[in-house]
Amino acid sequence: FFDGYKANPDYALSCVETAKEAGATRIILCDTNGSNLSNYIYNV
């Protein structure tokens, strides 16, 4: 998610919005590559 948000913020937000509308009760944001730093994680 966090790398995807860097590349395309609108699309990344639309993905989690769609998941919410489809009934997901928890949205887990993943730093899958482990490449981001804390200030960016906090802000996003």
Full PDB file with SEQRES, HELIX, SHEET, SSBOND, CRYST1, ORIGX, SCALE, CONECT and MASTER records, all heavy atoms in Angstrom:
SEQRES   1 A   44  PHE PHE ASP GLY TYR LYS ALA ASN PRO ASP TYR ALA LEU          
SEQRES   2 A   44  SER CYS VAL GLU THR ALA LYS GLU ALA GLY ALA THR ARG          
SEQRES   3 A   44  ILE ILE LEU CYS ASP THR ASN GLY SER ASN LEU SER ASN          
SEQRES   4 A   44  TYR ILE TYR ASN VAL                                          
HELIX    1 AA1 PHE A    2  ALA A    7  1                                   6    
HELIX    2 AA2 PRO A    9  GLU A   21  1                                  13    
HELIX    3 AA3 SER A   38  ASN A   43  1                                   6    
CRYST1    1.000    1.000    1.000  90.00  90.00  90.00 P 1           1          
ORIGX1      1.000000  0.000000  0.000000        0.00000                         
ORIGX2      0.000000  1.000000  0.000000        0.00000                         
ORIGX3      0.000000  0.000000  1.000000        0.00000                         
SCALE1      1.000000  0.000000  0.000000        0.00000                         
SCALE2      0.000000  1.000000  0.000000        0.00000                         
SCALE3      0.000000  0.000000  1.000000        0.00000                         
ATOM      1  N   PHE A   1       0.811  -1.220   0.000  1.00  0.00           N  
ATOM      2  CA  PHE A   1       0.000   0.000   0.000  1.00  0.00           C  
ATOM      3  C   PHE A   1       0.843   1.269   0.000  1.00  0.00           C  
ATOM      4  O   PHE A   1       0.587   2.207  -0.760  1.00  0.00           O  
ATOM      5  CB  PHE A   1      -0.950   0.025   1.204  1.00  0.00           C  
ATOM      6  CG  PHE A   1      -1.809   1.267   1.215  1.00  0.00           C  
ATOM      7  CD1 PHE A   1      -2.951   1.322   0.452  1.00  0.00           C  
ATOM      8  CD2 PHE A   1      -1.440   2.386   1.955  1.00  0.00           C  
ATOM      9  CE1 PHE A   1      -3.732   2.471   0.421  1.00  0.00           C  
ATOM     10  CE2 PHE A   1      -2.205   3.539   1.930  1.00  0.00           C  
ATOM     11  CZ  PHE A   1      -3.359   3.575   1.164  1.00  0.00           C  
ATOM     12  N   PHE A   2       1.852   1.321   0.853  1.00  0.00           N  
ATOM     13  CA  PHE A   2       2.606   2.560   1.001  1.00  0.00           C  
ATOM     14  C   PHE A   2       3.409   2.892  -0.267  1.00  0.00           C  
ATOM     15  O   PHE A   2       3.513   4.060  -0.647  1.00  0.00           O  
ATOM     16  CB  PHE A   2       3.517   2.493   2.230  1.00  0.00           C  
ATOM     17  CG  PHE A   2       2.748   2.474   3.516  1.00  0.00           C  
ATOM     18  CD1 PHE A   2       2.487   1.280   4.174  1.00  0.00           C  
ATOM     19  CD2 PHE A   2       2.268   3.656   4.060  1.00  0.00           C  
ATOM     20  CE1 PHE A   2       1.767   1.268   5.358  1.00  0.00           C  
ATOM     21  CE2 PHE A   2       1.543   3.658   5.243  1.00  0.00           C  
ATOM     22  CZ  PHE A   2       1.282   2.454   5.889  1.00  0.00           C  
ATOM     23  N   ASP A   3       3.951   1.873  -0.927  1.00  0.00           N  
ATOM     24  CA  ASP A   3       4.635   2.108  -2.198  1.00  0.00           C  
ATOM     25  C   ASP A   3       3.624   2.474  -3.283  1.00  0.00           C  
ATOM     26  O   ASP A   3       3.890   3.320  -4.140  1.00  0.00           O  
ATOM     27  CB  ASP A   3       5.439   0.877  -2.609  1.00  0.00           C  
ATOM     28  CG  ASP A   3       6.621   0.634  -1.688  1.00  0.00           C  
ATOM     29  OD1 ASP A   3       7.236   1.625  -1.242  1.00  0.00           O  
ATOM     30  OD2 ASP A   3       6.934  -0.534  -1.398  1.00  0.00           O  
ATOM     31  N   GLY A   4       2.467   1.831  -3.239  1.00  0.00           N  
ATOM     32  CA  GLY A   4       1.421   2.156  -4.203  1.00  0.00           C  
ATOM     33  C   GLY A   4       0.907   3.571  -4.038  1.00  0.00           C  
ATOM     34  O   GLY A   4       0.616   4.259  -5.026  1.00  0.00           O  
ATOM     35  N   TYR A   5       0.829   4.014  -2.771  1.00  0.00           N  
ATOM     36  CA  TYR A   5       0.372   5.387  -2.518  1.00  0.00           C  
ATOM     37  C   TYR A   5       1.362   6.400  -3.101  1.00  0.00           C  
ATOM     38  O   TYR A   5       0.957   7.440  -3.618  1.00  0.00           O  
ATOM     39  CB  TYR A   5       0.200   5.608  -1.017  1.00  0.00           C  
ATOM     40  CG  TYR A   5      -0.382   6.961  -0.676  1.00  0.00           C  
ATOM     41  CD1 TYR A   5      -1.766   7.131  -0.614  1.00  0.00           C  
ATOM     42  CD2 TYR A   5       0.433   8.059  -0.430  1.00  0.00           C  
ATOM     43  CE1 TYR A   5      -2.316   8.373  -0.314  1.00  0.00           C  
ATOM     44  CE2 TYR A   5      -0.098   9.296  -0.132  1.00  0.00           C  
ATOM     45  CZ  TYR A   5      -1.471   9.448  -0.074  1.00  0.00           C  
ATOM     46  OH  TYR A   5      -2.004  10.690   0.218  1.00  0.00           O  
ATOM     47  N   LYS A   6       2.649   6.093  -3.029  1.00  0.00           N  
ATOM     48  CA  LYS A   6       3.652   6.987  -3.626  1.00  0.00           C  
ATOM     49  C   LYS A   6       3.435   7.127  -5.125  1.00  0.00           C  
ATOM     50  O   LYS A   6       3.555   8.211  -5.694  1.00  0.00           O  
ATOM     51  CB  LYS A   6       5.061   6.439  -3.375  1.00  0.00           C  
ATOM     52  CG  LYS A   6       5.621   6.686  -2.000  1.00  0.00           C  
ATOM     53  CD  LYS A   6       7.035   6.114  -1.919  1.00  0.00           C  
ATOM     54  CE  LYS A   6       7.616   6.278  -0.519  1.00  0.00           C  
ATOM     55  NZ  LYS A   6       8.958   5.656  -0.409  1.00  0.00           N  
ATOM     56  N   ALA A   7       3.120   5.995  -5.772  1.00  0.00           N  
ATOM     57  CA  ALA A   7       2.984   5.990  -7.223  1.00  0.00           C  
ATOM     58  C   ALA A   7       1.675   6.621  -7.684  1.00  0.00           C  
ATOM     59  O   ALA A   7       1.643   7.332  -8.694  1.00  0.00           O  
ATOM     60  CB  ALA A   7       3.077   4.560  -7.754  1.00  0.00           C  
ATOM     61  N   ASN A   8       0.588   6.353  -6.918  1.00  0.00           N  
ATOM     62  CA  ASN A   8      -0.724   6.844  -7.340  1.00  0.00           C  
ATOM     63  C   ASN A   8      -1.634   6.970  -6.114  1.00  0.00           C  
ATOM     64  O   ASN A   8      -2.379   6.048  -5.804  1.00  0.00           O  
ATOM     65  CB  ASN A   8      -1.346   5.898  -8.378  1.00  0.00           C  
ATOM     66  CG  ASN A   8      -2.569   6.493  -9.053  1.00  0.00           C  
ATOM     67  OD1 ASN A   8      -3.289   7.289  -8.474  1.00  0.00           O  
ATOM     68  ND2 ASN A   8      -2.810   6.084 -10.299  1.00  0.00           N  
ATOM     69  N   PRO A   9      -1.600   8.093  -5.436  1.00  0.00           N  
ATOM     70  CA  PRO A   9      -2.381   8.257  -4.204  1.00  0.00           C  
ATOM     71  C   PRO A   9      -3.885   8.062  -4.399  1.00  0.00           C  
ATOM     72  O   PRO A   9      -4.538   7.409  -3.572  1.00  0.00           O  
ATOM     73  CB  PRO A   9      -2.070   9.699  -3.772  1.00  0.00           C  
ATOM     74  CG  PRO A   9      -0.776  10.026  -4.428  1.00  0.00           C  
ATOM     75  CD  PRO A   9      -0.773   9.286  -5.728  1.00  0.00           C  
ATOM     76  N   ASP A  10      -4.438   8.606  -5.465  1.00  0.00           N  
ATOM     77  CA  ASP A  10      -5.883   8.504  -5.694  1.00  0.00           C  
ATOM     78  C   ASP A  10      -6.317   7.047  -5.868  1.00  0.00           C  
ATOM     79  O   ASP A  10      -7.342   6.622  -5.326  1.00  0.00           O  
ATOM     80  CB  ASP A  10      -6.292   9.320  -6.925  1.00  0.00           C  
ATOM     81  CG  ASP A  10      -6.144  10.816  -6.696  1.00  0.00           C  
ATOM     82  OD1 ASP A  10      -6.147  11.229  -5.521  1.00  0.00           O  
ATOM     83  OD2 ASP A  10      -6.028  11.554  -7.690  1.00  0.00           O  
ATOM     84  N   TYR A  11      -5.535   6.296  -6.635  1.00  0.00           N  
ATOM     85  CA  TYR A  11      -5.883   4.892  -6.853  1.00  0.00           C  
ATOM     86  C   TYR A  11      -5.759   4.092  -5.560  1.00  0.00           C  
ATOM     87  O   TYR A  11      -6.604   3.247  -5.253  1.00  0.00           O  
ATOM     88  CB  TYR A  11      -4.992   4.284  -7.931  1.00  0.00           C  
ATOM     89  CG  TYR A  11      -5.328   2.850  -8.233  1.00  0.00           C  
ATOM     90  CD1 TYR A  11      -6.438   2.517  -8.995  1.00  0.00           C  
ATOM     91  CD2 TYR A  11      -4.537   1.812  -7.731  1.00  0.00           C  
ATOM     92  CE1 TYR A  11      -6.760   1.200  -9.256  1.00  0.00           C  
ATOM     93  CE2 TYR A  11      -4.841   0.493  -7.989  1.00  0.00           C  
ATOM     94  CZ  TYR A  11      -5.964   0.188  -8.763  1.00  0.00           C  
ATOM     95  OH  TYR A  11      -6.285  -1.125  -9.013  1.00  0.00           O  
ATOM     96  N   ALA A  12      -4.711   4.353  -4.794  1.00  0.00           N  
ATOM     97  CA  ALA A  12      -4.515   3.636  -3.528  1.00  0.00           C  
ATOM     98  C   ALA A  12      -5.679   3.894  -2.578  1.00  0.00           C  
ATOM     99  O   ALA A  12      -6.197   2.967  -1.942  1.00  0.00           O  
ATOM    100  CB  ALA A  12      -3.198   4.063  -2.879  1.00  0.00           C  
ATOM    101  N   LEU A  13      -6.114   5.142  -2.495  1.00  0.00           N  
ATOM    102  CA  LEU A  13      -7.238   5.472  -1.618  1.00  0.00           C  
ATOM    103  C   LEU A  13      -8.540   4.859  -2.129  1.00  0.00           C  
ATOM    104  O   LEU A  13      -9.388   4.440  -1.339  1.00  0.00           O  
ATOM    105  CB  LEU A  13      -7.380   6.988  -1.493  1.00  0.00           C  
ATOM    106  CG  LEU A  13      -6.277   7.700  -0.705  1.00  0.00           C  
ATOM    107  CD1 LEU A  13      -6.462   9.209  -0.757  1.00  0.00           C  
ATOM    108  CD2 LEU A  13      -6.249   7.219   0.746  1.00  0.00           C  
ATOM    109  N   SER A  14      -8.689   4.800  -3.451  1.00  0.00           N  
ATOM    110  CA  SER A  14      -9.907   4.204  -4.002  1.00  0.00           C  
ATOM    111  C   SER A  14      -9.975   2.708  -3.688  1.00  0.00           C  
ATOM    112  O   SER A  14     -11.065   2.154  -3.504  1.00  0.00           O  
ATOM    113  CB  SER A  14      -9.979   4.429  -5.513  1.00  0.00           C  
ATOM    114  OG  SER A  14      -9.032   3.646  -6.213  1.00  0.00           O  
ATOM    115  N   CYS A  15      -8.823   2.049  -3.595  1.00  0.00           N  
ATOM    116  CA  CYS A  15      -8.795   0.612  -3.267  1.00  0.00           C  
ATOM    117  C   CYS A  15      -9.318   0.362  -1.857  1.00  0.00           C  
ATOM    118  O   CYS A  15     -10.160  -0.518  -1.636  1.00  0.00           O  
ATOM    119  CB  CYS A  15      -7.374   0.071  -3.402  1.00  0.00           C  
ATOM    120  SG  CYS A  15      -6.803  -0.104  -5.101  1.00  0.00           S  
ATOM    121  N   VAL A  16      -8.819   1.135  -0.892  1.00  0.00           N  
ATOM    122  CA  VAL A  16      -9.271   0.915   0.489  1.00  0.00           C  
ATOM    123  C   VAL A  16     -10.712   1.390   0.665  1.00  0.00           C  
ATOM    124  O   VAL A  16     -11.469   0.825   1.467  1.00  0.00           O  
ATOM    125  CB  VAL A  16      -8.335   1.601   1.507  1.00  0.00           C  
ATOM    126  CG1 VAL A  16      -6.956   0.942   1.473  1.00  0.00           C  
ATOM    127  CG2 VAL A  16      -8.199   3.091   1.243  1.00  0.00           C  
ATOM    128  N   GLU A  17     -11.114   2.398  -0.075  1.00  0.00           N  
ATOM    129  CA  GLU A  17     -12.510   2.864  -0.023  1.00  0.00           C  
ATOM    130  C   GLU A  17     -13.449   1.788  -0.555  1.00  0.00           C  
ATOM    131  O   GLU A  17     -14.504   1.526   0.026  1.00  0.00           O  
ATOM    132  CB  GLU A  17     -12.664   4.143  -0.856  1.00  0.00           C  
ATOM    133  CG  GLU A  17     -14.083   4.682  -0.934  1.00  0.00           C  
ATOM    134  CD  GLU A  17     -14.573   5.245   0.392  1.00  0.00           C  
ATOM    135  OE1 GLU A  17     -13.729   5.680   1.200  1.00  0.00           O  
ATOM    136  OE2 GLU A  17     -15.797   5.242   0.604  1.00  0.00           O  
ATOM    137  N   THR A  18     -13.050   1.138  -1.638  1.00  0.00           N  
ATOM    138  CA  THR A  18     -13.852   0.047  -2.200  1.00  0.00           C  
ATOM    139  C   THR A  18     -13.955  -1.115  -1.225  1.00  0.00           C  
ATOM    140  O   THR A  18     -15.017  -1.723  -1.066  1.00  0.00           O  
ATOM    141  CB  THR A  18     -13.236  -0.440  -3.526  1.00  0.00           C  
ATOM    142  OG1 THR A  18     -13.206   0.648  -4.459  1.00  0.00           O  
ATOM    143  CG2 THR A  18     -14.051  -1.574  -4.125  1.00  0.00           C  
ATOM    144  N   ALA A  19     -12.854  -1.431  -0.553  1.00  0.00           N  
ATOM    145  CA  ALA A  19     -12.870  -2.508   0.440  1.00  0.00           C  
ATOM    146  C   ALA A  19     -13.822  -2.183   1.575  1.00  0.00           C  
ATOM    147  O   ALA A  19     -14.577  -3.046   2.042  1.00  0.00           O  
ATOM    148  CB  ALA A  19     -11.462  -2.741   0.976  1.00  0.00           C  
ATOM    149  N   LYS A  20     -13.825  -0.944   2.015  1.00  0.00           N  
ATOM    150  CA  LYS A  20     -14.747  -0.526   3.081  1.00  0.00           C  
ATOM    151  C   LYS A  20     -16.188  -0.659   2.636  1.00  0.00           C  
ATOM    152  O   LYS A  20     -17.035  -1.208   3.356  1.00  0.00           O  
ATOM    153  CB  LYS A  20     -14.459   0.909   3.493  1.00  0.00           C  
ATOM    154  CG  LYS A  20     -15.293   1.396   4.677  1.00  0.00           C  
ATOM    155  CD  LYS A  20     -15.213   2.892   4.865  1.00  0.00           C  
ATOM    156  CE  LYS A  20     -16.143   3.597   3.891  1.00  0.00           C  
ATOM    157  NZ  LYS A  20     -16.297   5.038   4.207  1.00  0.00           N  
ATOM    158  N   GLU A  21     -16.482  -0.172   1.423  1.00  0.00           N  
ATOM    159  CA  GLU A  21     -17.856  -0.224   0.910  1.00  0.00           C  
ATOM    160  C   GLU A  21     -18.325  -1.657   0.694  1.00  0.00           C  
ATOM    161  O   GLU A  21     -19.518  -1.946   0.792  1.00  0.00           O  
ATOM    162  CB  GLU A  21     -17.943   0.554  -0.404  1.00  0.00           C  
ATOM    163  CG  GLU A  21     -17.765   2.060  -0.238  1.00  0.00           C  
ATOM    164  CD  GLU A  21     -17.770   2.796  -1.558  1.00  0.00           C  
ATOM    165  OE1 GLU A  21     -17.804   2.115  -2.615  1.00  0.00           O  
ATOM    166  OE2 GLU A  21     -17.746   4.041  -1.539  1.00  0.00           O  
ATOM    167  N   ALA A  22     -17.376  -2.571   0.430  1.00  0.00           N  
ATOM    168  CA  ALA A  22     -17.723  -3.978   0.215  1.00  0.00           C  
ATOM    169  C   ALA A  22     -17.934  -4.729   1.522  1.00  0.00           C  
ATOM    170  O   ALA A  22     -18.322  -5.895   1.510  1.00  0.00           O  
ATOM    171  CB  ALA A  22     -16.642  -4.660  -0.614  1.00  0.00           C  
ATOM    172  N   GLY A  23     -17.653  -4.087   2.666  1.00  0.00           N  
ATOM    173  CA  GLY A  23     -17.931  -4.716   3.947  1.00  0.00           C  
ATOM    174  C   GLY A  23     -16.747  -5.039   4.820  1.00  0.00           C  
ATOM    175  O   GLY A  23     -16.909  -5.588   5.910  1.00  0.00           O  
ATOM    176  N   ALA A  24     -15.537  -4.717   4.375  1.00  0.00           N  
ATOM    177  CA  ALA A  24     -14.369  -4.967   5.226  1.00  0.00           C  
ATOM    178  C   ALA A  24     -14.451  -4.109   6.479  1.00  0.00           C  
ATOM    179  O   ALA A  24     -14.760  -2.921   6.405  1.00  0.00           O  
ATOM    180  CB  ALA A  24     -13.084  -4.660   4.463  1.00  0.00           C  
ATOM    181  N   THR A  25     -14.203  -4.716   7.635  1.00  0.00           N  
ATOM    182  CA  THR A  25     -14.266  -3.982   8.900  1.00  0.00           C  
ATOM    183  C   THR A  25     -12.887  -3.537   9.373  1.00  0.00           C  
ATOM    184  O   THR A  25     -12.780  -2.708  10.267  1.00  0.00           O  
ATOM    185  CB  THR A  25     -14.908  -4.850   9.993  1.00  0.00           C  
ATOM    186  OG1 THR A  25     -14.177  -6.073  10.121  1.00  0.00           O  
ATOM    187  CG2 THR A  25     -16.356  -5.169   9.648  1.00  0.00           C  
ATOM    188  N   ARG A  26     -11.845  -4.102   8.768  1.00  0.00           N  
ATOM    189  CA  ARG A  26     -10.478  -3.704   9.105  1.00  0.00           C  
ATOM    190  C   ARG A  26      -9.665  -3.577   7.817  1.00  0.00           C  
ATOM    191  O   ARG A  26      -9.668  -4.482   6.990  1.00  0.00           O  
ATOM    192  CB  ARG A  26      -9.815  -4.701  10.061  1.00  0.00           C  
ATOM    193  CG  ARG A  26     -10.513  -4.767  11.420  1.00  0.00           C  
ATOM    194  CD  ARG A  26      -9.917  -5.835  12.314  1.00  0.00           C  
ATOM    195  NE  ARG A  26     -10.694  -5.949  13.543  1.00  0.00           N  
ATOM    196  CZ  ARG A  26     -10.228  -5.680  14.760  1.00  0.00           C  
ATOM    197  NH1 ARG A  26      -8.975  -5.288  14.922  1.00  0.00           N  
ATOM    198  NH2 ARG A  26     -10.998  -5.817  15.817  1.00  0.00           N  
ATOM    199  N   ILE A  27      -8.985  -2.452   7.675  1.00  0.00           N  
ATOM    200  CA  ILE A  27      -8.137  -2.200   6.515  1.00  0.00           C  
ATOM    201  C   ILE A  27      -6.694  -2.202   6.991  1.00  0.00           C  
ATOM    202  O   ILE A  27      -6.296  -1.359   7.795  1.00  0.00           O  
ATOM    203  CB  ILE A  27      -8.458  -0.847   5.860  1.00  0.00           C  
ATOM    204  CG1 ILE A  27      -9.943  -0.728   5.532  1.00  0.00           C  
ATOM    205  CG2 ILE A  27      -7.585  -0.639   4.630  1.00  0.00           C  
ATOM    206  CD1 ILE A  27     -10.420  -1.628   4.437  1.00  0.00           C  
ATOM    207  N   ILE A  28      -5.902  -3.186   6.541  1.00  0.00           N  
ATOM    208  CA  ILE A  28      -4.532  -3.322   6.989  1.00  0.00           C  
ATOM    209  C   ILE A  28      -3.602  -2.719   5.937  1.00  0.00           C  
ATOM    210  O   ILE A  28      -3.542  -3.199   4.796  1.00  0.00           O  
ATOM    211  CB  ILE A  28      -4.149  -4.800   7.222  1.00  0.00           C  
ATOM    212  CG1 ILE A  28      -5.255  -5.541   7.991  1.00  0.00           C  
ATOM    213  CG2 ILE A  28      -2.815  -4.886   7.935  1.00  0.00           C  
ATOM    214  CD1 ILE A  28      -5.593  -4.943   9.341  1.00  0.00           C  
ATOM    215  N   LEU A  29      -2.882  -1.681   6.303  1.00  0.00           N  
ATOM    216  CA  LEU A  29      -1.946  -1.030   5.392  1.00  0.00           C  
ATOM    217  C   LEU A  29      -0.595  -1.724   5.492  1.00  0.00           C  
ATOM    218  O   LEU A  29      -0.030  -1.834   6.588  1.00  0.00           O  
ATOM    219  CB  LEU A  29      -1.817   0.458   5.739  1.00  0.00           C  
ATOM    220  CG  LEU A  29      -3.141   1.230   5.868  1.00  0.00           C  
ATOM    221  CD1 LEU A  29      -2.867   2.689   6.220  1.00  0.00           C  
ATOM    222  CD2 LEU A  29      -3.967   1.120   4.598  1.00  0.00           C  
ATOM    223  N   CYS A  30      -0.079  -2.177   4.365  1.00  0.00           N  
ATOM    224  CA  CYS A  30       1.133  -3.002   4.381  1.00  0.00           C  
ATOM    225  C   CYS A  30       2.331  -2.280   3.774  1.00  0.00           C  
ATOM    226  O   CYS A  30       2.248  -1.759   2.660  1.00  0.00           O  
ATOM    227  CB  CYS A  30       0.898  -4.292   3.600  1.00  0.00           C  
ATOM    228  SG  CYS A  30      -0.491  -5.286   4.200  1.00  0.00           S  
ATOM    229  N   ASP A  31       3.418  -2.270   4.527  1.00  0.00           N  
ATOM    230  CA  ASP A  31       4.716  -1.843   3.981  1.00  0.00           C  
ATOM    231  C   ASP A  31       5.436  -3.120   3.573  1.00  0.00           C  
ATOM    232  O   ASP A  31       6.357  -3.581   4.254  1.00  0.00           O  
ATOM    233  CB  ASP A  31       5.507  -1.057   5.024  1.00  0.00           C  
ATOM    234  CG  ASP A  31       6.827  -0.528   4.473  1.00  0.00           C  
ATOM    235  OD1 ASP A  31       6.913  -0.362   3.237  1.00  0.00           O  
ATOM    236  OD2 ASP A  31       7.753  -0.296   5.257  1.00  0.00           O  
ATOM    237  N   THR A  32       4.983  -3.699   2.478  1.00  0.00           N  
ATOM    238  CA  THR A  32       5.398  -5.049   2.086  1.00  0.00           C  
ATOM    239  C   THR A  32       6.888  -5.145   1.806  1.00  0.00           C  
ATOM    240  O   THR A  32       7.532  -6.153   2.115  1.00  0.00           O  
ATOM    241  CB  THR A  32       4.596  -5.498   0.853  1.00  0.00           C  
ATOM    242  OG1 THR A  32       3.203  -5.280   1.091  1.00  0.00           O  
ATOM    243  CG2 THR A  32       4.813  -6.968   0.569  1.00  0.00           C  
ATOM    244  N   ASN A  33       7.466  -4.118   1.214  1.00  0.00           N  
ATOM    245  CA  ASN A  33       8.902  -4.140   0.919  1.00  0.00           C  
ATOM    246  C   ASN A  33       9.753  -3.718   2.107  1.00  0.00           C  
ATOM    247  O   ASN A  33      10.981  -3.853   2.071  1.00  0.00           O  
ATOM    248  CB  ASN A  33       9.220  -3.223  -0.271  1.00  0.00           C  
ATOM    249  CG  ASN A  33       8.754  -3.809  -1.585  1.00  0.00           C  
ATOM    250  OD1 ASN A  33       8.666  -5.021  -1.724  1.00  0.00           O  
ATOM    251  ND2 ASN A  33       8.441  -2.957  -2.543  1.00  0.00           N  
ATOM    252  N   GLY A  34       9.128  -3.184   3.143  1.00  0.00           N  
ATOM    253  CA  GLY A  34       9.880  -2.738   4.308  1.00  0.00           C  
ATOM    254  C   GLY A  34      10.843  -1.610   3.993  1.00  0.00           C  
ATOM    255  O   GLY A  34      11.899  -1.488   4.613  1.00  0.00           O  
ATOM    256  N   SER A  35      10.460  -0.761   3.041  1.00  0.00           N  
ATOM    257  CA  SER A  35      11.411   0.240   2.542  1.00  0.00           C  
ATOM    258  C   SER A  35      11.111   1.664   2.994  1.00  0.00           C  
ATOM    259  O   SER A  35      11.865   2.587   2.683  1.00  0.00           O  
ATOM    260  CB  SER A  35      11.420   0.213   1.010  1.00  0.00           C  
ATOM    261  OG  SER A  35      10.121   0.491   0.494  1.00  0.00           O  
ATOM    262  N   ASN A  36      10.012   1.859   3.716  1.00  0.00           N  
ATOM    263  CA  ASN A  36       9.600   3.223   4.059  1.00  0.00           C  
ATOM    264  C   ASN A  36      10.004   3.611   5.475  1.00  0.00           C  
ATOM    265  O   ASN A  36      10.268   2.752   6.325  1.00  0.00           O  
ATOM    266  CB  ASN A  36       8.090   3.361   3.877  1.00  0.00           C  
ATOM    267  CG  ASN A  36       7.685   3.260   2.419  1.00  0.00           C  
ATOM    268  OD1 ASN A  36       7.956   4.150   1.626  1.00  0.00           O  
ATOM    269  ND2 ASN A  36       7.041   2.158   2.054  1.00  0.00           N  
ATOM    270  N   LEU A  37      10.022   4.924   5.723  1.00  0.00           N  
ATOM    271  CA  LEU A  37      10.437   5.452   7.017  1.00  0.00           C  
ATOM    272  C   LEU A  37       9.227   5.963   7.805  1.00  0.00           C  
ATOM    273  O   LEU A  37       8.147   6.190   7.262  1.00  0.00           O  
ATOM    274  CB  LEU A  37      11.461   6.567   6.826  1.00  0.00           C  
ATOM    275  CG  LEU A  37      12.735   6.161   6.070  1.00  0.00           C  
ATOM    276  CD1 LEU A  37      13.678   7.349   5.976  1.00  0.00           C  
ATOM    277  CD2 LEU A  37      13.420   4.969   6.724  1.00  0.00           C  
ATOM    278  N   SER A  38       9.450   6.165   9.092  1.00  0.00           N  
ATOM    279  CA  SER A  38       8.343   6.374  10.023  1.00  0.00           C  
ATOM    280  C   SER A  38       7.526   7.632   9.752  1.00  0.00           C  
ATOM    281  O   SER A  38       6.300   7.616   9.910  1.00  0.00           O  
ATOM    282  CB  SER A  38       8.880   6.407  11.458  1.00  0.00           C  
ATOM    283  OG  SER A  38       9.518   5.186  11.770  1.00  0.00           O  
ATOM    284  N   ASN A  39       8.163   8.726   9.374  1.00  0.00           N  
ATOM    285  CA  ASN A  39       7.390   9.944   9.148  1.00  0.00           C  
ATOM    286  C   ASN A  39       6.410   9.774   7.991  1.00  0.00           C  
ATOM    287  O   ASN A  39       5.284  10.285   8.028  1.00  0.00           O  
ATOM    288  CB  ASN A  39       8.325  11.142   8.913  1.00  0.00           C  
ATOM    289  CG  ASN A  39       9.234  10.959   7.717  1.00  0.00           C  
ATOM    290  OD1 ASN A  39       9.512   9.830   7.315  1.00  0.00           O  
ATOM    291  ND2 ASN A  39       9.701  12.061   7.145  1.00  0.00           N  
ATOM    292  N   TYR A  40       6.836   9.046   6.961  1.00  0.00           N  
ATOM    293  CA  TYR A  40       5.953   8.784   5.819  1.00  0.00           C  
ATOM    294  C   TYR A  40       4.818   7.854   6.231  1.00  0.00           C  
ATOM    295  O   TYR A  40       3.664   8.075   5.862  1.00  0.00           O  
ATOM    296  CB  TYR A  40       6.764   8.173   4.675  1.00  0.00           C  
ATOM    297  CG  TYR A  40       5.940   7.751   3.487  1.00  0.00           C  
ATOM    298  CD1 TYR A  40       5.351   8.698   2.658  1.00  0.00           C  
ATOM    299  CD2 TYR A  40       5.751   6.401   3.189  1.00  0.00           C  
ATOM    300  CE1 TYR A  40       4.586   8.309   1.564  1.00  0.00           C  
ATOM    301  CE2 TYR A  40       4.991   6.006   2.108  1.00  0.00           C  
ATOM    302  CZ  TYR A  40       4.415   6.962   1.300  1.00  0.00           C  
ATOM    303  OH  TYR A  40       3.657   6.569   0.214  1.00  0.00           O  
ATOM    304  N   ILE A  41       5.124   6.806   6.977  1.00  0.00           N  
ATOM    305  CA  ILE A  41       4.101   5.870   7.453  1.00  0.00           C  
ATOM    306  C   ILE A  41       3.055   6.611   8.285  1.00  0.00           C  
ATOM    307  O   ILE A  41       1.844   6.413   8.120  1.00  0.00           O  
ATOM    308  CB  ILE A  41       4.739   4.738   8.290  1.00  0.00           C  
ATOM    309  CG1 ILE A  41       5.724   3.925   7.442  1.00  0.00           C  
ATOM    310  CG2 ILE A  41       3.664   3.846   8.910  1.00  0.00           C  
ATOM    311  CD1 ILE A  41       5.103   3.089   6.360  1.00  0.00           C  
ATOM    312  N   TYR A  42       3.514   7.473   9.173  1.00  0.00           N  
ATOM    313  CA  TYR A  42       2.612   8.256  10.022  1.00  0.00           C  
ATOM    314  C   TYR A  42       1.679   9.123   9.172  1.00  0.00           C  
ATOM    315  O   TYR A  42       0.461   9.131   9.360  1.00  0.00           O  
ATOM    316  CB  TYR A  42       3.419   9.133  10.976  1.00  0.00           C  
ATOM    317  CG  TYR A  42       2.605  10.174  11.706  1.00  0.00           C  
ATOM    318  CD1 TYR A  42       1.891   9.846  12.864  1.00  0.00           C  
ATOM    319  CD2 TYR A  42       2.539  11.484  11.233  1.00  0.00           C  
ATOM    320  CE1 TYR A  42       1.129  10.800  13.525  1.00  0.00           C  
ATOM    321  CE2 TYR A  42       1.791  12.444  11.896  1.00  0.00           C  
ATOM    322  CZ  TYR A  42       1.092  12.106  13.033  1.00  0.00           C  
ATOM    323  OH  TYR A  42       0.335  13.054  13.687  1.00  0.00           O  
ATOM    324  N   ASN A  43       2.252   9.864   8.230  1.00  0.00           N  
ATOM    325  CA  ASN A  43       1.462  10.798   7.426  1.00  0.00           C  
ATOM    326  C   ASN A  43       0.424  10.078   6.569  1.00  0.00           C  
ATOM    327  O   ASN A  43      -0.739  10.503   6.486  1.00  0.00           O  
ATOM    328  CB  ASN A  43       2.383  11.636   6.529  1.00  0.00           C  
ATOM    329  CG  ASN A  43       3.200  12.638   7.322  1.00  0.00           C  
ATOM    330  OD1 ASN A  43       2.771  13.118   8.361  1.00  0.00           O  
ATOM    331  ND2 ASN A  43       4.402  12.955   6.836  1.00  0.00           N  
ATOM    332  N   VAL A  44       0.823   8.978   5.935  1.00  0.00           N  
ATOM    333  CA  VAL A  44      -0.102   8.257   5.060  1.00  0.00           C  
ATOM    334  C   VAL A  44      -1.212   7.583   5.872  1.00  0.00           C  
ATOM    335  O   VAL A  44      -2.382   7.587   5.477  1.00  0.00           O  
ATOM    336  CB  VAL A  44       0.661   7.229   4.199  1.00  0.00           C  
ATOM    337  CG1 VAL A  44      -0.323   6.377   3.394  1.00  0.00           C  
ATOM    338  CG2 VAL A  44       1.617   7.939   3.259  1.00  0.00           C  
TER     339      VAL A  44                                                      
MASTER        0    0    0    3    0    0    0    6  338    1    0    4          
END                                                                             
